Amino acid sequence: MKTSFPESDLDPRHHAANVQQMLGDVIEHLRSDLDKFEEPKAQALFETAAEVLGGLRTAFEHYEKSAEAALH
């Protein structure tokens, strides 16, 4: 039995865009929390996590753009 999915569910670019949005939300949350505490190790952890997730978000963005270009 084959399950049918909406067209957007079959397009990995759609999923990549969703993941980019979620990562952006987490990055924003991490950076906004930096002002809530003064512990240097915690601040470093949150900033490092935001930077790492930013790199991952960029990788998804590059995938999405290259996949889109390949379709044209």
PDB file of N, CA and C in Angstrom:
ATOM      1  N   MET A   1       0.833  -1.167   0.000  1.00  0.00           N
ATOM      2  CA  MET A   1       0.000   0.000   0.000  1.00  0.00           C
ATOM      3  C   MET A   1       0.889   1.246   0.000  1.00  0.00           C
ATOM      4  N   LYS A   2       0.776   2.030  -1.026  1.00  0.00           N
ATOM      5  CA  LYS A   2       1.580   3.240  -1.142  1.00  0.00           C
ATOM      6  C   LYS A   2       0.814   4.422  -0.567  1.00  0.00           C
ATOM      7  N   THR A   3       1.493   5.153   0.316  1.00  0.00           N
ATOM      8  CA  THR A   3       0.880   6.331   0.910  1.00  0.00           C
ATOM      9  C   THR A   3       1.140   7.520   0.007  1.00  0.00           C
ATOM     10  N   SER A   4       0.114   8.316  -0.230  1.00  0.00           N
ATOM     11  CA  SER A   4       0.332   9.509  -1.045  1.00  0.00           C
ATOM     12  C   SER A   4       0.543  10.712  -0.128  1.00  0.00           C
ATOM     13  N   PHE A   5       1.470  11.552  -0.546  1.00  0.00           N
ATOM     14  CA  PHE A   5       1.815  12.747   0.204  1.00  0.00           C
ATOM     15  C   PHE A   5       1.574  13.957  -0.679  1.00  0.00           C
ATOM     16  N   PRO A   6       1.295  15.098  -0.051  1.00  0.00           N
ATOM     17  CA  PRO A   6       1.205  16.318  -0.853  1.00  0.00           C
ATOM     18  C   PRO A   6       2.520  16.560  -1.586  1.00  0.00           C
ATOM     19  N   GLU A   7       2.454  17.228  -2.725  1.00  0.00           N
ATOM     20  CA  GLU A   7       3.642  17.490  -3.545  1.00  0.00           C
ATOM     21  C   GLU A   7       4.773  18.123  -2.735  1.00  0.00           C
ATOM     22  N   SER A   8       4.440  19.077  -1.848  1.00  0.00           N
ATOM     23  CA  SER A   8       5.483  19.750  -1.064  1.00  0.00           C
ATOM     24  C   SER A   8       6.204  18.785  -0.127  1.00  0.00           C
ATOM     25  N   ASP A   9       5.525  17.732   0.328  1.00  0.00           N
ATOM     26  CA  ASP A   9       6.162  16.748   1.205  1.00  0.00           C
ATOM     27  C   ASP A   9       7.205  15.922   0.465  1.00  0.00           C
ATOM     28  N   LEU A  10       7.093  15.858  -0.853  1.00  0.00           N
ATOM     29  CA  LEU A  10       8.024  15.065  -1.645  1.00  0.00           C
ATOM     30  C   LEU A  10       9.234  15.870  -2.092  1.00  0.00           C
ATOM     31  N   ASP A  11       9.205  17.166  -1.861  1.00  0.00           N
ATOM     32  CA  ASP A  11      10.283  18.044  -2.292  1.00  0.00           C
ATOM     33  C   ASP A  11      11.221  18.310  -1.118  1.00  0.00           C
ATOM     34  N   PRO A  12      12.460  17.824  -1.179  1.00  0.00           N
ATOM     35  CA  PRO A  12      13.378  18.029  -0.056  1.00  0.00           C
ATOM     36  C   PRO A  12      13.684  19.499   0.191  1.00  0.00           C
ATOM     37  N   ARG A  13      13.532  20.356  -0.829  1.00  0.00           N
ATOM     38  CA  ARG A  13      13.765  21.793  -0.633  1.00  0.00           C
ATOM     39  C   ARG A  13      12.768  22.367   0.373  1.00  0.00           C
ATOM     40  N   HIS A  14      11.550  21.862   0.322  1.00  0.00           N
ATOM     41  CA  HIS A  14      10.522  22.294   1.279  1.00  0.00           C
ATOM     42  C   HIS A  14      10.946  21.943   2.702  1.00  0.00           C
ATOM     43  N   HIS A  15      11.443  20.754   2.891  1.00  0.00           N
ATOM     44  CA  HIS A  15      11.894  20.311   4.222  1.00  0.00           C
ATOM     45  C   HIS A  15      13.140  21.077   4.656  1.00  0.00           C
ATOM     46  N   ALA A  16      14.041  21.345   3.710  1.00  0.00           N
ATOM     47  CA  ALA A  16      15.244  22.117   4.025  1.00  0.00           C
ATOM     48  C   ALA A  16      14.865  23.522   4.496  1.00  0.00           C
ATOM     49  N   ALA A  17      13.877  24.126   3.853  1.00  0.00           N
ATOM     50  CA  ALA A  17      13.418  25.457   4.259  1.00  0.00           C
ATOM     51  C   ALA A  17      12.821  25.415   5.664  1.00  0.00           C
ATOM     52  N   ASN A  18      12.069  24.372   5.962  1.00  0.00           N
ATOM     53  CA  ASN A  18      11.482  24.232   7.306  1.00  0.00           C
ATOM     54  C   ASN A  18      12.571  24.093   8.367  1.00  0.00           C
ATOM     55  N   VAL A  19      13.582  23.294   8.076  1.00  0.00           N
ATOM     56  CA  VAL A  19      14.671  23.093   9.029  1.00  0.00           C
ATOM     57  C   VAL A  19      15.438  24.408   9.227  1.00  0.00           C
ATOM     58  N   GLN A  20      15.660  25.142   8.141  1.00  0.00           N
ATOM     59  CA  GLN A  20      16.327  26.448   8.263  1.00  0.00           C
ATOM     60  C   GLN A  20      15.562  27.359   9.215  1.00  0.00           C
ATOM     61  N   GLN A  21      14.249  27.377   9.088  1.00  0.00           N
ATOM     62  CA  GLN A  21      13.422  28.219   9.950  1.00  0.00           C
ATOM     63  C   GLN A  21      13.542  27.780  11.411  1.00  0.00           C
ATOM     64  N   MET A  22      13.480  26.481  11.644  1.00  0.00           N
ATOM     65  CA  MET A  22      13.593  25.977  13.013  1.00  0.00           C
ATOM     66  C   MET A  22      14.959  26.296  13.614  1.00  0.00           C
ATOM     67  N   LEU A  23      16.013  26.102  12.820  1.00  0.00           N
ATOM     68  CA  LEU A  23      17.354  26.422  13.310  1.00  0.00           C
ATOM     69  C   LEU A  23      17.471  27.911  13.616  1.00  0.00           C
ATOM     70  N   GLY A  24      16.898  28.741  12.768  1.00  0.00           N
ATOM     71  CA  GLY A  24      16.908  30.178  13.007  1.00  0.00           C
ATOM     72  C   GLY A  24      16.224  30.537  14.313  1.00  0.00           C
ATOM     73  N   ASP A  25      15.117  29.858  14.591  1.00  0.00           N
ATOM     74  CA  ASP A  25      14.400  30.097  15.849  1.00  0.00           C
ATOM     75  C   ASP A  25      15.254  29.716  17.056  1.00  0.00           C
ATOM     76  N   VAL A  26      15.934  28.586  16.967  1.00  0.00           N
ATOM     77  CA  VAL A  26      16.786  28.143  18.083  1.00  0.00           C
ATOM     78  C   VAL A  26      17.972  29.099  18.258  1.00  0.00           C
ATOM     79  N   ILE A  27      18.567  29.519  17.147  1.00  0.00           N
ATOM     80  CA  ILE A  27      19.689  30.464  17.208  1.00  0.00           C
ATOM     81  C   ILE A  27      19.244  31.750  17.886  1.00  0.00           C
ATOM     82  N   GLU A  28      18.109  32.261  17.480  1.00  0.00           N
ATOM     83  CA  GLU A  28      17.583  33.494  18.078  1.00  0.00           C
ATOM     84  C   GLU A  28      17.349  33.312  19.580  1.00  0.00           C
ATOM     85  N   HIS A  29      16.803  32.170  19.956  1.00  0.00           N
ATOM     86  CA  HIS A  29      16.544  31.887  21.364  1.00  0.00           C
ATOM     87  C   HIS A  29      17.854  31.832  22.162  1.00  0.00           C
ATOM     88  N   LEU A  30      18.842  31.134  21.626  1.00  0.00           N
ATOM     89  CA  LEU A  30      20.135  31.035  22.304  1.00  0.00           C
ATOM     90  C   LEU A  30      20.751  32.415  22.511  1.00  0.00           C
ATOM     91  N   ARG A  31      20.723  33.229  21.487  1.00  0.00           N
ATOM     92  CA  ARG A  31      21.344  34.559  21.584  1.00  0.00           C
ATOM     93  C   ARG A  31      20.558  35.479  22.510  1.00  0.00           C
ATOM     94  N   SER A  32      19.247  35.350  22.515  1.00  0.00           N
ATOM     95  CA  SER A  32      18.461  36.201  23.418  1.00  0.00           C
ATOM     96  C   SER A  32      18.667  35.800  24.877  1.00  0.00           C
ATOM     97  N   ASP A  33      18.998  34.543  25.118  1.00  0.00           N
ATOM     98  CA  ASP A  33      19.254  34.079  26.486  1.00  0.00           C
ATOM     99  C   ASP A  33      20.593  34.555  27.028  1.00  0.00           C
ATOM    100  N   LEU A  34      21.498  34.983  26.177  1.00  0.00           N
ATOM    101  CA  LEU A  34      22.824  35.418  26.633  1.00  0.00           C
ATOM    102  C   LEU A  34      22.750  36.555  27.644  1.00  0.00           C
ATOM    103  N   ASP A  35      21.772  37.417  27.507  1.00  0.00           N
ATOM    104  CA  ASP A  35      21.633  38.550  28.420  1.00  0.00           C
ATOM    105  C   ASP A  35      20.994  38.175  29.754  1.00  0.00           C
ATOM    106  N   LYS A  36      20.555  36.954  29.889  1.00  0.00           N
ATOM    107  CA  LYS A  36      19.828  36.547  31.095  1.00  0.00           C
ATOM    108  C   LYS A  36      20.732  36.024  32.200  1.00  0.00           C
ATOM    109  N   PHE A  37      21.986  35.752  31.882  1.00  0.00           N
ATOM    110  CA  PHE A  37      22.908  35.244  32.900  1.00  0.00           C
ATOM    111  C   PHE A  37      24.311  35.755  32.629  1.00  0.00           C
ATOM    112  N   GLU A  38      25.136  35.735  33.659  1.00  0.00           N
ATOM    113  CA  GLU A  38      26.482  36.298  33.563  1.00  0.00           C
ATOM    114  C   GLU A  38      27.580  35.252  33.618  1.00  0.00           C
ATOM    115  N   GLU A  39      27.228  34.006  33.801  1.00  0.00           N
ATOM    116  CA  GLU A  39      28.251  32.954  33.901  1.00  0.00           C
ATOM    117  C   GLU A  39      28.967  32.809  32.554  1.00  0.00           C
ATOM    118  N   PRO A  40      30.284  33.071  32.522  1.00  0.00           N
ATOM    119  CA  PRO A  40      31.027  33.042  31.259  1.00  0.00           C
ATOM    120  C   PRO A  40      30.957  31.705  30.512  1.00  0.00           C
ATOM    121  N   LYS A  41      31.011  30.604  31.250  1.00  0.00           N
ATOM    122  CA  LYS A  41      30.964  29.294  30.576  1.00  0.00           C
ATOM    123  C   LYS A  41      29.612  29.075  29.908  1.00  0.00           C
ATOM    124  N   ALA A  42      28.544  29.490  30.562  1.00  0.00           N
ATOM    125  CA  ALA A  42      27.206  29.348  29.977  1.00  0.00           C
ATOM    126  C   ALA A  42      27.073  30.257  28.761  1.00  0.00           C
ATOM    127  N   GLN A  43      27.574  31.479  28.859  1.00  0.00           N
ATOM    128  CA  GLN A  43      27.517  32.390  27.723  1.00  0.00           C
ATOM    129  C   GLN A  43      28.304  31.833  26.540  1.00  0.00           C
ATOM    130  N   ALA A  44      29.467  31.281  26.814  1.00  0.00           N
ATOM    131  CA  ALA A  44      30.283  30.686  25.754  1.00  0.00           C
ATOM    132  C   ALA A  44      29.571  29.499  25.125  1.00  0.00           C
ATOM    133  N   LEU A  45      28.941  28.674  25.947  1.00  0.00           N
ATOM    134  CA  LEU A  45      28.201  27.521  25.434  1.00  0.00           C
ATOM    135  C   LEU A  45      27.065  27.957  24.519  1.00  0.00           C
ATOM    136  N   PHE A  46      26.284  28.929  24.959  1.00  0.00           N
ATOM    137  CA  PHE A  46      25.145  29.381  24.174  1.00  0.00           C
ATOM    138  C   PHE A  46      25.597  30.043  22.872  1.00  0.00           C
ATOM    139  N   GLU A  47      26.653  30.849  22.950  1.00  0.00           N
ATOM    140  CA  GLU A  47      27.148  31.507  21.740  1.00  0.00           C
ATOM    141  C   GLU A  47      27.751  30.489  20.770  1.00  0.00           C
ATOM    142  N   THR A  48      28.499  29.521  21.302  1.00  0.00           N
ATOM    143  CA  THR A  48      29.071  28.479  20.455  1.00  0.00           C
ATOM    144  C   THR A  48      27.975  27.658  19.794  1.00  0.00           C
ATOM    145  N   ALA A  49      26.960  27.311  20.552  1.00  0.00           N
ATOM    146  CA  ALA A  49      25.841  26.548  19.987  1.00  0.00           C
ATOM    147  C   ALA A  49      25.168  27.343  18.877  1.00  0.00           C
ATOM    148  N   ALA A  50      24.982  28.648  19.079  1.00  0.00           N
ATOM    149  CA  ALA A  50      24.367  29.489  18.053  1.00  0.00           C
ATOM    150  C   ALA A  50      25.231  29.518  16.794  1.00  0.00           C
ATOM    151  N   GLU A  51      26.539  29.597  16.957  1.00  0.00           N
ATOM    152  CA  GLU A  51      27.451  29.617  15.805  1.00  0.00           C
ATOM    153  C   GLU A  51      27.420  28.293  15.040  1.00  0.00           C
ATOM    154  N   VAL A  52      27.450  27.188  15.768  1.00  0.00           N
ATOM    155  CA  VAL A  52      27.420  25.868  15.132  1.00  0.00           C
ATOM    156  C   VAL A  52      26.110  25.679  14.372  1.00  0.00           C
ATOM    157  N   LEU A  53      25.007  26.037  15.012  1.00  0.00           N
ATOM    158  CA  LEU A  53      23.710  25.903  14.347  1.00  0.00           C
ATOM    159  C   LEU A  53      23.602  26.847  13.150  1.00  0.00           C
ATOM    160  N   GLY A  54      24.254  28.004  13.241  1.00  0.00           N
ATOM    161  CA  GLY A  54      24.288  28.917  12.097  1.00  0.00           C
ATOM    162  C   GLY A  54      24.986  28.286  10.901  1.00  0.00           C
ATOM    163  N   GLY A  55      26.063  27.581  11.156  1.00  0.00           N
ATOM    164  CA  GLY A  55      26.754  26.859  10.080  1.00  0.00           C
ATOM    165  C   GLY A  55      25.882  25.782   9.478  1.00  0.00           C
ATOM    166  N   LEU A  56      25.169  25.081  10.307  1.00  0.00           N
ATOM    167  CA  LEU A  56      24.264  24.039   9.834  1.00  0.00           C
ATOM    168  C   LEU A  56      23.126  24.647   9.015  1.00  0.00           C
ATOM    169  N   ARG A  57      22.596  25.774   9.490  1.00  0.00           N
ATOM    170  CA  ARG A  57      21.536  26.465   8.745  1.00  0.00           C
ATOM    171  C   ARG A  57      22.049  26.891   7.366  1.00  0.00           C
ATOM    172  N   THR A  58      23.280  27.378   7.311  1.00  0.00           N
ATOM    173  CA  THR A  58      23.881  27.762   6.029  1.00  0.00           C
ATOM    174  C   THR A  58      24.016  26.564   5.101  1.00  0.00           C
ATOM    175  N   ALA A  59      24.379  25.414   5.633  1.00  0.00           N
ATOM    176  CA  ALA A  59      24.488  24.202   4.814  1.00  0.00           C
ATOM    177  C   ALA A  59      23.131  23.839   4.202  1.00  0.00           C
ATOM    178  N   PHE A  60      22.055  23.952   4.982  1.00  0.00           N
ATOM    179  CA  PHE A  60      20.718  23.683   4.454  1.00  0.00           C
ATOM    180  C   PHE A  60      20.344  24.712   3.388  1.00  0.00           C
ATOM    181  N   GLU A  61      20.722  25.962   3.615  1.00  0.00           N
ATOM    182  CA  GLU A  61      20.440  27.023   2.653  1.00  0.00           C
ATOM    183  C   GLU A  61      21.162  26.746   1.326  1.00  0.00           C
ATOM    184  N   HIS A  62      22.429  26.355   1.408  1.00  0.00           N
ATOM    185  CA  HIS A  62      23.198  26.046   0.198  1.00  0.00           C
ATOM    186  C   HIS A  62      22.589  24.857  -0.540  1.00  0.00           C
ATOM    187  N   TYR A  63      22.172  23.839   0.217  1.00  0.00           N
ATOM    188  CA  TYR A  63      21.526  22.694  -0.418  1.00  0.00           C
ATOM    189  C   TYR A  63      20.266  23.135  -1.167  1.00  0.00           C
ATOM    190  N   GLU A  64      19.452  23.931  -0.484  1.00  0.00           N
ATOM    191  CA  GLU A  64      18.185  24.358  -1.064  1.00  0.00           C
ATOM    192  C   GLU A  64      18.432  25.139  -2.366  1.00  0.00           C
ATOM    193  N   LYS A  65      19.395  26.051  -2.353  1.00  0.00           N
ATOM    194  CA  LYS A  65      19.693  26.853  -3.542  1.00  0.00           C
ATOM    195  C   LYS A  65      20.260  26.008  -4.667  1.00  0.00           C
ATOM    196  N   SER A  66      21.150  25.057  -4.338  1.00  0.00           N
ATOM    197  CA  SER A  66      21.735  24.219  -5.390  1.00  0.00           C
ATOM    198  C   SER A  66      20.708  23.257  -5.961  1.00  0.00           C
ATOM    199  N   ALA A  67      19.817  22.767  -5.121  1.00  0.00           N
ATOM    200  CA  ALA A  67      18.762  21.870  -5.604  1.00  0.00           C
ATOM    201  C   ALA A  67      17.808  22.636  -6.514  1.00  0.00           C
ATOM    202  N   GLU A  68      17.508  23.874  -6.150  1.00  0.00           N
ATOM    203  CA  GLU A  68      16.633  24.704  -6.962  1.00  0.00           C
ATOM    204  C   GLU A  68      17.291  25.012  -8.318  1.00  0.00           C
ATOM    205  N   ALA A  69      18.573  25.338  -8.294  1.00  0.00           N
ATOM    206  CA  ALA A  69      19.299  25.633  -9.535  1.00  0.00           C
ATOM    207  C   ALA A  69      19.351  24.414 -10.453  1.00  0.00           C
ATOM    208  N   ALA A  70      19.447  23.231  -9.863  1.00  0.00           N
ATOM    209  CA  ALA A  70      19.517  22.001 -10.664  1.00  0.00           C
ATOM    210  C   ALA A  70      18.205  21.727 -11.403  1.00  0.00           C
ATOM    211  N   LEU A  71      17.122  22.273 -10.899  1.00  0.00           N
ATOM    212  CA  LEU A  71      15.826  22.051 -11.544  1.00  0.00           C
ATOM    213  C   LEU A  71      15.616  22.948 -12.754  1.00  0.00           C
ATOM    214  N   HIS A  72      16.422  23.993 -12.863  1.00  0.00           N
ATOM    215  CA  HIS A  72      16.228  24.955 -13.964  1.00  0.00           C
ATOM    216  C   HIS A  72      17.120  24.653 -15.128  1.00  0.00           C
TER     217      HIS A  72
END
